[in-house]
Each structure stands twice: as structure tokens, then as C-alpha cells.
Amino acid sequence: MNNSPMTNHPSSTTETHYNSEADFLDHYNPKIFDRPSTSVDTVIFTVFDQQLQVLLVKRANYPFKNQWALVGGFIDLENDETLEDTAKRKLEEKTGVKTPYLEQCFTIGNKQRDPRGWSVTTVYFALLPHQNIKLAIGKGANEIKWSSIINNQVKELLAFDHSKILRQAIERLRNKVLYTSLPSYLMAEKFTLGDLQKVYEIILDHSLETKSFRRRIAKADILEETTEMRQDAKRPAKLYRLKNDVNTYFFLRTIEGAVNT
């Protein structure tokens, strides 16, 4: 990247050329430096059909036309105040809902990831309960769907470097689930403790010891009982819901009792 300003522009002269900071900014031309394409990609996770799922869109335009990709897009310089604004905007366009959890993961930038040239993307991951979501194709896509994650990948060939991004996001999610209450954001409005444990197990790809898991959740104090019950296979089970305005709980130790399934 060429970091030298163009010599034929006022802002390339010494700073003493200007009367003030405001004067400098009035004359400043942001195009004097090279700029890579800048975007935000969001890995949107949910759980249903006993599997971790990710939202994919089929691209309508080149490059990678008709190829599946993660949800993302370029920053709207006029309307997006922050990178998070971009991520939230794209997520709401595709799902019609606001995510209960959104986290910035990492940034990737190089000359190879986009055939159009130098590109930088900031990656977020979002968690959504799958109930009541109405997917919308939106601008720049032909199709949209949930895809099952098996062995840290989806069956579809993904555009750009999105397969690598997906693997890194899955690793980030699993690592955080080991010591936080993140899976609670994937639950329906009402659920049993068994439902919550199962979501933990699906994400971690491990079974968990039930008594230890329930002590852990009780200690977090993030749930409240409802007055309702649900008949499970063996006996009626209490239904719970997430407490209002609850924040992510961070446990002092990683989750115990995990064994490979």
C-alpha cells in the first residue's frame, strides 16, 4: 500500500500551510491514500433438528455468483456509525429480528481473499433462537437458508474465505460456551433444563453430566421458573425462561463432565 500523499493536493503540504485543524479537515481529500474494500461478515448461529446451524445466502452477483456465502456486506458510510451497526443491519435484513447476542470475533485482511483486490472484513457471530424467524432474501442474494454444521463445516462450497471464517467462528463459540451462559440466547421463550443442556451438548459435541450441569446453571441465577410444566419422556418437567435484562454469565471454571459422544 502506498502511504505517501499525492504531491499535487493541498493536504500533502506541511501542516503549517493550514490555519487550524478545521481548515486542514476542510481541505483534506480522503482519496489521497489507497483504501481496501471494507466489509462486515456475520456468522449467524442457531440450533434446531439436534444440530448447530448457520445462515447462508446464495450470491446473486459476481464474484462467486450463485455460490453460498455467510451473511455480510459493505459498510454504509452514510448510515452506519460503527461496525456493529453494519452487522446488525445485515442481520435484521436477512432474519427480520434483532439478535439477543452479537460479538465481534476477529478481522481478516489481505490481497487474496477477494478477486476484486485488497479486502478487509470484520467478523461477528450472532446467536438466534430459531423460533419465529422469517428469512428474507434481500439485496444481492437469490436464496437464503439454514445449513447444518457437521465436523466444523457445511456441505456447501462457500465463497471467498468464508469456510475458514466459519471454522474460526465455531471454535470461538465453543470456547466461550465452556465458561459462559451463551447457549441460553438460543432457547425458545420457555424451555426445560434438559432442553438447555441439550443445546450445550450440541454446540460442544459432548455429553454432559446432568447433576453437575444443573448445579452450574442454578449458581448462575439467570433463569426463573414459570408456572408451567411439560410432559417429557419420563415425567413432567418444569419450564423456565431467561430472566429479564440478564447478561451473559461467566463461570469461574470451564464446564465439567464433558466426554466425547
Protein backbone atom coordinates (compact mmCIF):
# COMPACT_ATOMS: atom_id res chain seq x y z
CA MET A 1 0.00 0.00 0.00
CA ASN A 2 1.32 3.47 -0.91
CA ASN A 3 1.27 5.63 2.20
CA SER A 4 2.69 8.72 0.53
CA PRO A 5 0.20 11.54 -0.16
CA MET A 6 -0.15 12.90 -3.68
CA THR A 7 2.08 15.93 -4.12
CA ASN A 8 -0.46 17.92 -6.15
CA HIS A 9 -3.04 18.14 -3.34
CA PRO A 10 -3.11 20.83 -0.59
CA SER A 11 -3.14 18.25 2.19
CA SER A 12 0.23 16.94 1.01
CA THR A 13 1.94 20.16 2.05
CA THR A 14 3.22 20.81 5.54
CA GLU A 15 0.71 21.25 8.32
CA THR A 16 1.74 24.89 8.76
CA HIS A 17 0.02 25.54 5.43
CA TYR A 18 -3.29 25.41 7.31
CA ASN A 19 -4.67 27.91 9.78
CA SER A 20 -6.34 25.32 12.02
CA GLU A 21 -7.43 21.71 12.39
CA ALA A 22 -10.80 22.68 10.93
CA ASP A 23 -9.08 24.30 7.94
CA PHE A 24 -6.98 21.16 7.40
CA LEU A 25 -10.05 18.91 7.51
CA ASP A 26 -11.96 21.20 5.15
CA HIS A 27 -9.24 20.70 2.54
CA TYR A 28 -8.46 17.07 3.27
CA ASN A 29 -9.02 14.57 0.46
CA PRO A 30 -9.51 11.01 1.83
CA LYS A 31 -8.69 9.59 -1.59
CA ILE A 32 -5.00 10.51 -1.34
CA PHE A 33 -4.38 7.16 0.39
CA ASP A 34 -5.23 3.75 -1.01
CA ARG A 35 -8.28 2.14 0.63
CA PRO A 36 -9.11 -1.57 0.68
CA SER A 37 -12.69 -2.77 0.35
CA THR A 38 -14.12 -2.91 3.88
CA SER A 39 -16.99 -5.17 4.90
CA VAL A 40 -18.59 -6.95 7.83
CA ASP A 41 -19.43 -10.67 7.78
CA THR A 42 -21.70 -12.16 10.43
CA VAL A 43 -21.78 -15.85 11.30
CA ILE A 44 -25.38 -16.32 12.45
CA PHE A 45 -25.86 -19.45 14.56
CA THR A 46 -28.97 -21.23 15.74
CA VAL A 47 -29.82 -24.76 16.93
CA PHE A 48 -32.63 -26.98 15.68
CA ASP A 49 -33.09 -30.54 14.41
CA GLN A 50 -30.49 -31.53 17.02
CA GLN A 51 -27.74 -29.69 15.12
CA LEU A 52 -25.85 -26.40 15.17
CA GLN A 53 -26.92 -24.39 12.11
CA VAL A 54 -25.51 -21.37 10.27
CA LEU A 55 -27.34 -18.95 7.99
CA LEU A 56 -26.17 -18.87 4.36
CA VAL A 57 -27.14 -16.78 1.35
CA LYS A 58 -26.65 -17.62 -2.33
CA ARG A 59 -24.93 -14.72 -4.06
CA ALA A 60 -26.80 -13.13 -6.97
CA ASN A 61 -23.80 -11.28 -8.42
CA TYR A 62 -20.16 -11.78 -9.36
CA PRO A 63 -17.71 -12.58 -7.92
CA PHE A 64 -18.78 -16.07 -6.83
CA LYS A 65 -22.19 -15.72 -8.45
CA ASN A 66 -24.63 -18.49 -7.39
CA GLN A 67 -22.27 -19.63 -4.65
CA TRP A 68 -23.25 -19.83 -0.98
CA ALA A 69 -21.76 -17.35 1.49
CA LEU A 70 -22.09 -16.07 5.02
CA VAL A 71 -24.31 -13.06 5.65
CA GLY A 72 -22.37 -9.85 5.12
CA GLY A 73 -21.93 -6.67 3.18
CA PHE A 74 -20.05 -3.45 2.76
CA ILE A 75 -20.22 -0.67 5.33
CA ASP A 76 -22.83 2.01 4.62
CA LEU A 77 -20.65 5.09 5.11
CA GLU A 78 -23.66 7.40 5.34
CA ASN A 79 -25.79 5.43 7.81
CA ASP A 80 -23.57 3.00 9.75
CA GLU A 81 -21.91 4.74 12.69
CA THR A 82 -20.00 1.61 13.76
CA LEU A 83 -19.05 -1.84 12.50
CA GLU A 84 -21.68 -3.26 14.86
CA ASP A 85 -24.31 -1.13 13.11
CA THR A 86 -23.39 -2.83 9.84
CA ALA A 87 -23.62 -6.29 11.39
CA LYS A 88 -26.99 -5.55 13.00
CA ARG A 89 -28.37 -4.03 9.80
CA LYS A 90 -27.44 -7.02 7.66
CA LEU A 91 -28.73 -9.48 10.26
CA GLU A 92 -32.11 -7.74 10.54
CA GLU A 93 -32.40 -7.54 6.75
CA LYS A 94 -31.99 -11.32 6.48
CA THR A 95 -33.91 -12.54 9.54
CA GLY A 96 -36.32 -9.77 10.46
CA VAL A 97 -35.31 -9.94 14.12
CA LYS A 98 -32.77 -8.39 16.46
CA THR A 99 -30.23 -10.77 17.88
CA PRO A 100 -30.04 -11.21 21.67
CA TYR A 101 -26.28 -11.71 21.32
CA LEU A 102 -23.72 -10.26 18.91
CA GLU A 103 -19.96 -10.40 19.37
CA GLN A 104 -17.04 -9.15 17.32
CA CYS A 105 -14.64 -12.03 16.73
CA PHE A 106 -11.71 -11.06 14.53
CA THR A 107 -10.62 -9.15 11.44
CA ILE A 108 -9.12 -10.64 8.29
CA GLY A 109 -7.46 -8.61 5.57
CA ASN A 110 -5.26 -9.47 2.60
CA LYS A 111 -4.93 -9.19 -1.16
CA GLN A 112 -6.04 -12.75 -1.91
CA ARG A 113 -9.42 -13.21 -0.16
CA ASP A 114 -11.39 -11.20 -2.76
CA PRO A 115 -10.61 -11.43 -6.50
CA ARG A 116 -11.53 -7.74 -6.83
CA GLY A 117 -8.46 -6.73 -4.83
CA TRP A 118 -7.33 -5.81 -1.32
CA SER A 119 -10.13 -6.55 1.14
CA VAL A 120 -10.68 -6.30 4.89
CA THR A 121 -13.60 -7.85 6.73
CA THR A 122 -14.52 -7.72 10.40
CA VAL A 123 -16.27 -10.88 11.55
CA TYR A 124 -19.06 -11.08 14.12
CA PHE A 125 -21.03 -14.03 15.36
CA ALA A 126 -24.68 -13.83 16.39
CA LEU A 127 -26.95 -16.21 18.29
CA LEU A 128 -30.65 -16.52 17.48
CA PRO A 129 -33.42 -18.81 18.72
CA HIS A 130 -34.85 -20.34 15.55
CA GLN A 131 -38.49 -19.85 16.51
CA ASN A 132 -40.42 -17.03 14.81
CA ILE A 133 -37.65 -16.18 12.35
CA LYS A 134 -38.85 -15.32 8.85
CA LEU A 135 -35.90 -15.41 6.48
CA ALA A 136 -35.75 -12.73 3.78
CA ILE A 137 -33.53 -12.99 0.71
CA GLY A 138 -32.74 -9.29 0.48
CA LYS A 139 -30.48 -7.39 -1.89
CA GLY A 140 -27.66 -9.26 -3.61
CA ALA A 141 -28.92 -12.80 -2.94
CA ASN A 142 -31.00 -15.41 -4.77
CA GLU A 143 -31.66 -17.79 -1.86
CA ILE A 144 -31.27 -17.95 1.89
CA LYS A 145 -31.27 -20.97 4.20
CA TRP A 146 -30.00 -22.57 7.39
CA SER A 147 -27.26 -25.16 6.86
CA SER A 148 -26.23 -27.86 9.33
CA ILE A 149 -22.69 -27.76 10.70
CA ILE A 150 -21.06 -31.17 10.78
CA ASN A 151 -17.38 -31.63 11.64
CA ASN A 152 -16.88 -27.86 11.76
CA GLN A 153 -18.09 -27.31 8.20
CA VAL A 154 -21.16 -27.17 5.97
CA LYS A 155 -21.73 -29.27 2.88
CA GLU A 156 -21.89 -26.18 0.64
CA LEU A 157 -18.81 -24.73 -1.07
CA LEU A 158 -18.57 -21.23 0.36
CA ALA A 159 -17.45 -18.08 -1.42
CA PHE A 160 -14.33 -16.07 -0.61
CA ASP A 161 -12.60 -17.38 2.55
CA HIS A 162 -15.91 -17.99 4.33
CA SER A 163 -15.14 -21.65 5.10
CA LYS A 164 -12.11 -20.52 7.08
CA ILE A 165 -14.13 -17.77 8.76
CA LEU A 166 -16.84 -20.27 9.72
CA ARG A 167 -14.32 -22.67 11.30
CA GLN A 168 -12.78 -19.88 13.35
CA ALA A 169 -16.20 -18.64 14.49
CA ILE A 170 -17.26 -22.15 15.54
CA GLU A 171 -14.06 -22.50 17.56
CA ARG A 172 -14.70 -19.13 19.20
CA LEU A 173 -18.29 -20.09 20.05
CA ARG A 174 -17.33 -23.46 21.54
CA ASN A 175 -14.53 -21.99 23.61
CA LYS A 176 -16.89 -19.39 25.10
CA VAL A 177 -19.64 -21.92 25.77
CA LEU A 178 -17.21 -23.78 28.04
CA TYR A 179 -17.26 -20.94 30.57
CA THR A 180 -20.39 -18.82 29.84
CA SER A 181 -24.16 -18.98 29.61
CA LEU A 182 -24.22 -18.17 25.87
CA PRO A 183 -26.48 -21.12 24.86
CA SER A 184 -29.33 -19.51 26.82
CA TYR A 185 -29.64 -16.98 23.98
CA LEU A 186 -30.54 -19.83 21.61
CA MET A 187 -33.52 -21.00 23.62
CA ALA A 188 -37.23 -20.58 22.97
CA GLU A 189 -39.15 -18.30 25.30
CA LYS A 190 -39.88 -21.25 27.62
CA PHE A 191 -37.74 -24.36 27.97
CA THR A 192 -36.73 -27.14 30.35
CA LEU A 193 -33.31 -27.57 31.92
CA GLY A 194 -32.97 -30.66 29.76
CA ASP A 195 -33.54 -28.54 26.65
CA LEU A 196 -30.80 -26.14 27.73
CA GLN A 197 -28.37 -28.95 28.50
CA LYS A 198 -29.02 -30.45 25.08
CA VAL A 199 -28.14 -27.17 23.35
CA TYR A 200 -24.87 -27.04 25.30
CA GLU A 201 -24.12 -30.61 24.21
CA ILE A 202 -24.95 -29.93 20.55
CA ILE A 203 -22.59 -26.94 20.41
CA LEU A 204 -19.78 -28.67 22.29
CA ASP A 205 -20.34 -32.02 20.56
CA HIS A 206 -20.03 -33.61 24.01
CA SER A 207 -22.42 -35.12 26.51
CA LEU A 208 -22.53 -33.50 29.97
CA GLU A 209 -23.13 -34.90 33.45
CA THR A 210 -26.65 -33.76 34.35
CA LYS A 211 -26.29 -33.06 38.08
CA SER A 212 -23.12 -31.04 37.60
CA PHE A 213 -24.72 -29.07 34.75
CA ARG A 214 -27.83 -28.20 36.79
CA ARG A 215 -25.76 -27.04 39.77
CA ARG A 216 -23.83 -24.81 37.41
CA ILE A 217 -26.96 -23.24 35.93
CA ALA A 218 -28.55 -22.77 39.36
CA LYS A 219 -25.44 -20.93 40.55
CA ALA A 220 -25.60 -18.58 37.56
CA ASP A 221 -29.09 -17.45 38.61
CA ILE A 222 -30.06 -16.46 35.07
CA LEU A 223 -33.35 -18.42 34.87
CA GLU A 224 -36.72 -18.13 36.53
CA GLU A 225 -39.36 -20.82 36.86
CA THR A 226 -42.69 -20.44 35.12
CA THR A 227 -45.88 -21.99 36.47
CA GLU A 228 -45.98 -24.39 33.54
CA MET A 229 -44.86 -27.97 33.10
CA ARG A 230 -44.15 -30.10 30.06
CA GLN A 231 -44.51 -33.85 29.86
CA ASP A 232 -41.16 -35.32 28.88
CA ALA A 233 -40.37 -38.96 28.25
CA LYS A 234 -40.15 -39.95 31.92
CA ARG A 235 -42.01 -37.32 33.94
CA PRO A 236 -43.32 -33.75 33.83
CA ALA A 237 -40.55 -31.15 33.65
CA LYS A 238 -40.64 -27.56 34.83
CA LEU A 239 -40.49 -24.84 32.20
CA TYR A 240 -38.08 -21.94 32.70
CA ARG A 241 -37.37 -18.69 30.96
CA LEU A 242 -34.44 -16.30 30.87
CA LYS A 243 -34.68 -13.50 33.43
CA ASN A 244 -35.35 -10.03 32.09
CA ASP A 245 -32.28 -7.95 31.21
CA VAL A 246 -29.97 -10.82 32.09
CA ASN A 247 -26.36 -10.52 30.97
CA THR A 248 -24.03 -13.28 29.87
CA TYR A 249 -22.80 -15.15 32.93
CA PHE A 250 -19.11 -16.00 33.16
CA PHE A 251 -18.28 -19.07 35.23
CA LEU A 252 -15.06 -19.24 37.21
CA ARG A 253 -14.21 -22.64 35.74
CA THR A 254 -14.84 -24.31 32.41
CA ILE A 255 -17.70 -26.74 32.21
CA GLU A 256 -17.14 -30.14 33.82
CA GLY A 257 -18.23 -33.63 32.96
CA ALA A 258 -17.69 -33.42 29.20
CA VAL A 259 -17.00 -36.66 27.40
CA ASN A 260 -16.81 -37.40 23.69
CA THR A 261 -20.03 -38.76 22.22
